[in-house]
Amino acid sequence: MTLTTKITGGFSEHVTCQLDPGQSVFADAGKFRWKTTNVNLETRLSTPGGTADQANQQAQQGGSFLKAAFATATEVGKRVISGQSLAFQWFTPSGGSGLVSFAGVEPGQVRAIEVESGVGWRAESRALICAEGSVHYDIDWAGFNLGRRSKEGFIFEHFTGEGTVIVAGGGSLIEMNPADYGGKIQVHAGAVVAFSDSVNFNVERVGALNAQTIMTAAFGGTGINLVTLSGDGLIVLQSTLHREFEHEERNDTRRDGIFDRL
């Protein structure tokens, strides 16, 4: 059952979800804005479709509570490492359909992504607004070397199964397919919001290691590496860079200003 959503707003968009009987959504803490009174709110430490979720269901049917507690602690620890909230908020209607609304933490736009069976999505670790309860949530490790080179971090949120996922980004969002541009595009790491599993994420050096590359790294605000997204599938980019990249851009601008005064 597709989740019915309505995205409104200008400078800072928010999304309102209509929850019909049998539907539920889970949201990252801090993204909830308002709801109708017939929508119940519950906070859970376990992630939907994860090991802890299954272990907790088995514990309620006579399984091991120790196994459920250990699985839950493992999932919470993974979210702590990634800088996400410790728990998810779950919203479920009672007595008919209900409404619940969410928004991102920064001014920007919102996108609804339909996750289909067999093709998941990966999102930047702060992009999640909410997702339908039928969507499975997990953490995907990009690897230390890849994360260090991209400066994007080592962890993505990974969504599989079937259902709607709502993500947010800073400024304006744009949807692209690398297949429309020769099969691969190069992207500033701070602009990545989300991409389909059919798209490959990698990092490449900007040209050969020479004087020009060093100039780009020192004063260009992108370092010597760019993220490459290749394949055939949708990607979502944002116009406003993540805060840590904005900080680096400001530092680069200050360094450029030194030469203006010479």
Protein backbone atom coordinates (compact mmCIF):
# COMPACT_ATOMS: atom_id res chain seq x y z
CA MET A 1 0.00 0.00 0.00
CA THR A 2 1.60 3.28 -1.16
CA LEU A 3 1.88 5.96 1.49
CA THR A 4 -0.12 9.09 0.63
CA THR A 5 2.00 12.21 1.16
CA LYS A 6 1.69 15.95 0.59
CA ILE A 7 4.78 18.17 0.46
CA THR A 8 4.18 21.86 1.18
CA GLY A 9 6.18 24.97 2.00
CA GLY A 10 8.59 27.22 0.17
CA PHE A 11 11.82 28.19 1.89
CA SER A 12 11.62 25.12 4.13
CA GLU A 13 9.39 22.25 3.01
CA HIS A 14 7.61 19.76 5.23
CA VAL A 15 5.70 16.57 4.44
CA THR A 16 2.32 15.43 5.74
CA CYS A 17 1.58 11.70 5.62
CA GLN A 18 -1.89 10.18 5.56
CA LEU A 19 -1.83 6.95 7.54
CA ASP A 20 -4.65 4.56 6.67
CA PRO A 21 -5.64 1.62 8.91
CA GLY A 22 -2.79 -0.91 8.89
CA GLN A 23 -0.15 1.66 7.91
CA SER A 24 2.57 3.10 10.11
CA VAL A 25 5.68 5.23 9.70
CA PHE A 26 8.89 5.49 11.69
CA ALA A 27 10.83 8.74 11.91
CA ASP A 28 14.21 9.95 13.04
CA ALA A 29 13.94 11.76 16.37
CA GLY A 30 13.55 15.51 15.99
CA LYS A 31 11.76 15.39 12.63
CA PHE A 32 8.15 15.16 13.95
CA ARG A 33 6.08 18.39 13.77
CA TRP A 34 2.36 17.66 14.31
CA LYS A 35 -0.29 14.92 14.14
CA THR A 36 -4.01 14.32 14.52
CA THR A 37 -5.09 12.96 17.88
CA ASN A 38 -5.96 9.49 16.57
CA VAL A 39 -2.34 8.82 15.57
CA ASN A 40 -0.49 7.00 18.34
CA LEU A 41 3.16 7.81 19.05
CA GLU A 42 5.58 5.16 20.30
CA THR A 43 9.36 5.26 20.75
CA ARG A 44 11.34 2.11 19.94
CA LEU A 45 15.04 1.32 20.11
CA SER A 46 14.86 -1.44 17.49
CA THR A 47 14.95 -0.73 13.75
CA PRO A 48 12.23 -2.06 11.43
CA GLY A 49 13.06 -5.36 9.76
CA GLY A 50 16.30 -5.65 11.73
CA THR A 51 17.65 -8.43 13.93
CA ALA A 52 16.50 -6.71 17.11
CA ASP A 53 12.97 -6.25 15.77
CA GLN A 54 12.71 -9.95 15.02
CA ALA A 55 14.29 -10.92 18.35
CA ASN A 56 11.86 -8.71 20.28
CA GLN A 57 8.89 -10.30 18.49
CA GLN A 58 10.24 -13.77 19.33
CA ALA A 59 10.77 -12.71 22.96
CA GLN A 60 7.12 -11.70 23.23
CA GLN A 61 6.22 -15.22 22.06
CA GLY A 62 8.43 -16.93 24.63
CA GLY A 63 11.87 -16.43 23.10
CA SER A 64 15.03 -15.19 24.79
CA PHE A 65 14.82 -11.66 26.23
CA LEU A 66 18.63 -11.64 26.62
CA LYS A 67 19.04 -12.23 22.87
CA ALA A 68 16.58 -9.43 22.13
CA ALA A 69 18.39 -7.05 24.51
CA PHE A 70 21.79 -7.81 22.98
CA ALA A 71 20.48 -7.32 19.42
CA THR A 72 18.86 -4.03 20.41
CA ALA A 73 22.06 -2.78 22.07
CA THR A 74 24.02 -3.64 18.91
CA GLU A 75 21.67 -1.65 16.69
CA VAL A 76 21.69 1.32 19.06
CA GLY A 77 25.49 1.25 19.08
CA LYS A 78 25.59 1.34 15.28
CA ARG A 79 23.32 4.41 15.24
CA VAL A 80 25.46 6.13 17.88
CA ILE A 81 28.57 5.65 15.74
CA SER A 82 26.77 7.11 12.73
CA GLY A 83 25.61 10.16 14.72
CA GLN A 84 21.90 9.31 14.48
CA SER A 85 19.19 9.33 17.13
CA LEU A 86 19.20 6.45 19.61
CA ALA A 87 15.56 5.57 18.93
CA PHE A 88 12.91 5.85 16.26
CA GLN A 89 9.47 7.36 16.77
CA TRP A 90 6.64 5.20 15.39
CA PHE A 91 3.26 6.61 14.34
CA THR A 92 0.19 4.39 13.88
CA PRO A 93 -3.45 5.48 13.41
CA SER A 94 -6.42 4.14 15.33
CA GLY A 95 -10.12 4.48 14.53
CA GLY A 96 -9.62 5.39 10.88
CA SER A 97 -7.08 7.37 8.89
CA GLY A 98 -4.84 9.99 10.52
CA LEU A 99 -2.29 12.63 9.60
CA VAL A 100 1.26 13.20 10.81
CA SER A 101 3.71 15.84 9.59
CA PHE A 102 7.53 15.99 9.53
CA ALA A 103 10.29 18.34 8.43
CA GLY A 104 14.07 18.39 8.14
CA VAL A 105 16.43 20.08 10.57
CA GLU A 106 17.71 22.59 7.98
CA PRO A 107 15.89 24.82 5.46
CA GLY A 108 15.50 22.87 2.25
CA GLN A 109 13.35 20.53 0.22
CA VAL A 110 11.83 17.10 0.76
CA ARG A 111 11.54 14.12 -1.59
CA ALA A 112 9.42 10.96 -1.44
CA ILE A 113 11.27 7.86 -2.68
CA GLU A 114 9.49 4.62 -3.55
CA VAL A 115 11.60 1.63 -2.53
CA GLU A 116 10.78 -1.43 -4.63
CA SER A 117 11.51 -5.07 -3.95
CA GLY A 118 15.01 -5.99 -5.11
CA VAL A 119 16.26 -2.40 -5.48
CA GLY A 120 17.11 -0.55 -2.28
CA TRP A 121 18.28 2.99 -1.62
CA ARG A 122 21.19 4.49 0.31
CA ALA A 123 20.96 7.89 1.97
CA GLU A 124 23.37 10.24 3.68
CA SER A 125 23.20 9.57 7.43
CA ARG A 126 21.25 12.77 8.23
CA ALA A 127 18.83 12.67 5.30
CA LEU A 128 16.07 10.45 6.70
CA ILE A 129 12.80 12.16 7.63
CA CYS A 130 10.52 9.14 7.92
CA ALA A 131 9.75 5.84 6.22
CA GLU A 132 6.83 3.50 5.89
CA GLY A 133 6.78 0.63 8.38
CA SER A 134 7.13 -1.93 5.57
CA VAL A 135 10.59 -0.55 4.72
CA HIS A 136 13.58 -2.34 6.22
CA TYR A 137 16.23 -0.06 7.72
CA ASP A 138 19.91 -0.81 8.18
CA ILE A 139 23.34 0.83 8.30
CA ASP A 140 25.67 0.38 5.32
CA TRP A 141 29.40 0.77 5.93
CA ALA A 142 31.15 2.48 3.02
CA GLY A 143 34.54 1.47 4.36
CA PHE A 144 37.21 3.49 6.15
CA ASN A 145 39.34 4.30 3.11
CA LEU A 146 36.42 5.32 0.92
CA GLY A 147 34.84 7.40 3.67
CA ARG A 148 38.12 9.14 4.50
CA ARG A 149 38.82 10.03 0.87
CA SER A 150 35.31 11.29 0.15
CA LYS A 151 34.98 13.15 3.49
CA GLU A 152 31.33 12.07 3.25
CA GLY A 153 31.75 9.67 6.16
CA PHE A 154 31.80 5.91 6.42
CA ILE A 155 28.10 5.21 6.93
CA PHE A 156 24.95 5.34 4.83
CA GLU A 157 21.40 4.57 5.83
CA HIS A 158 20.20 1.62 3.74
CA PHE A 159 16.53 1.04 2.89
CA THR A 160 15.19 -2.19 1.39
CA GLY A 161 11.86 -3.95 1.08
CA GLU A 162 8.84 -2.07 -0.26
CA GLY A 163 7.36 1.28 0.69
CA THR A 164 7.88 5.03 0.84
CA VAL A 165 10.96 6.75 2.28
CA ILE A 166 11.02 10.52 2.83
CA VAL A 167 14.40 12.28 2.71
CA ALA A 168 15.39 15.93 3.08
CA GLY A 169 18.31 18.04 1.91
CA GLY A 170 19.55 21.60 2.22
CA GLY A 171 18.53 24.23 -0.31
CA SER A 172 17.12 22.89 -3.58
CA LEU A 173 17.09 19.20 -4.47
CA ILE A 174 17.73 17.82 -7.93
CA GLU A 175 17.11 14.30 -9.23
CA MET A 176 19.48 12.91 -11.87
CA ASN A 177 20.42 9.65 -13.56
CA PRO A 178 24.11 9.14 -14.44
CA ALA A 179 22.99 7.11 -17.48
CA ASP A 180 21.75 10.37 -19.02
CA TYR A 181 25.27 11.85 -18.81
CA GLY A 182 27.47 9.13 -20.24
CA GLY A 183 27.04 6.72 -17.33
CA LYS A 184 29.00 8.62 -14.67
CA ILE A 185 29.01 12.02 -12.99
CA GLN A 186 31.43 13.62 -10.51
CA VAL A 187 29.89 15.22 -7.43
CA HIS A 188 31.02 17.32 -4.48
CA ALA A 189 30.78 14.94 -1.52
CA GLY A 190 28.77 17.45 0.50
CA ALA A 191 25.99 17.48 -2.11
CA VAL A 192 25.05 13.80 -1.90
CA VAL A 193 21.63 13.09 -0.35
CA ALA A 194 20.54 9.66 -1.62
CA PHE A 195 21.00 7.23 -4.50
CA SER A 196 19.54 3.94 -5.73
CA ASP A 197 21.37 0.67 -5.14
CA SER A 198 21.72 0.40 -8.93
CA VAL A 199 24.14 3.35 -8.74
CA ASN A 200 27.78 2.76 -7.77
CA PHE A 201 29.41 5.11 -5.24
CA ASN A 202 33.15 5.69 -5.53
CA VAL A 203 35.85 8.35 -5.11
CA GLU A 204 38.30 9.58 -7.73
CA ARG A 205 41.22 12.00 -7.61
CA VAL A 206 40.78 15.25 -9.52
CA GLY A 207 43.43 14.80 -12.21
CA ALA A 208 47.02 13.72 -11.74
CA LEU A 209 48.92 14.62 -8.58
CA ASN A 210 50.66 17.81 -9.70
CA ALA A 211 50.87 21.52 -8.90
CA GLN A 212 47.41 22.22 -10.33
CA THR A 213 45.86 19.43 -8.23
CA ILE A 214 47.49 20.86 -5.12
CA MET A 215 46.08 24.30 -5.95
CA THR A 216 42.61 22.78 -6.34
CA ALA A 217 42.92 20.97 -3.03
CA ALA A 218 44.15 24.07 -1.18
CA PHE A 219 41.84 26.72 -2.62
CA GLY A 220 39.05 24.96 -4.54
CA GLY A 221 37.04 23.82 -1.54
CA THR A 222 36.69 20.22 -2.81
CA GLY A 223 40.01 18.63 -1.86
CA ILE A 224 41.78 16.37 -4.35
CA ASN A 225 38.94 13.83 -4.54
CA LEU A 226 35.43 13.90 -5.97
CA VAL A 227 32.62 11.41 -5.41
CA THR A 228 31.67 9.52 -8.57
CA LEU A 229 28.19 8.11 -9.09
CA SER A 230 27.88 5.69 -12.00
CA GLY A 231 25.34 3.29 -13.42
CA ASP A 232 21.66 3.53 -14.28
CA GLY A 233 19.46 4.79 -11.45
CA LEU A 234 18.20 7.88 -9.70
CA ILE A 235 20.31 10.04 -7.40
CA VAL A 236 19.25 13.01 -5.26
CA LEU A 237 21.64 15.95 -4.78
CA GLN A 238 21.32 19.13 -2.71
CA SER A 239 22.43 22.67 -3.51
CA THR A 240 23.46 23.51 0.07
CA LEU A 241 26.48 21.57 1.28
CA HIS A 242 26.52 19.81 4.62
CA ARG A 243 27.62 22.04 7.48
CA GLU A 244 31.14 20.67 7.80
CA PHE A 245 31.72 21.32 4.09
CA GLU A 246 30.33 24.84 4.42
CA HIS A 247 32.84 25.42 7.23
CA GLU A 248 35.68 24.25 4.97
CA GLU A 249 34.43 26.50 2.15
CA ARG A 250 34.50 29.52 4.50
CA ASN A 251 38.05 28.66 5.57
CA ASP A 252 39.08 28.44 1.91
CA THR A 253 37.52 31.84 1.26
CA ARG A 254 39.52 33.32 4.12
CA ARG A 255 42.70 31.84 2.68
CA ASP A 256 41.87 33.35 -0.72
CA GLY A 257 41.37 36.71 0.97
CA ILE A 258 45.00 36.71 2.11
CA PHE A 259 46.13 36.92 -1.52
CA ASP A 260 43.66 39.74 -2.22
CA ARG A 261 45.44 41.86 0.37
CA LEU A 262 48.92 41.28 -1.08
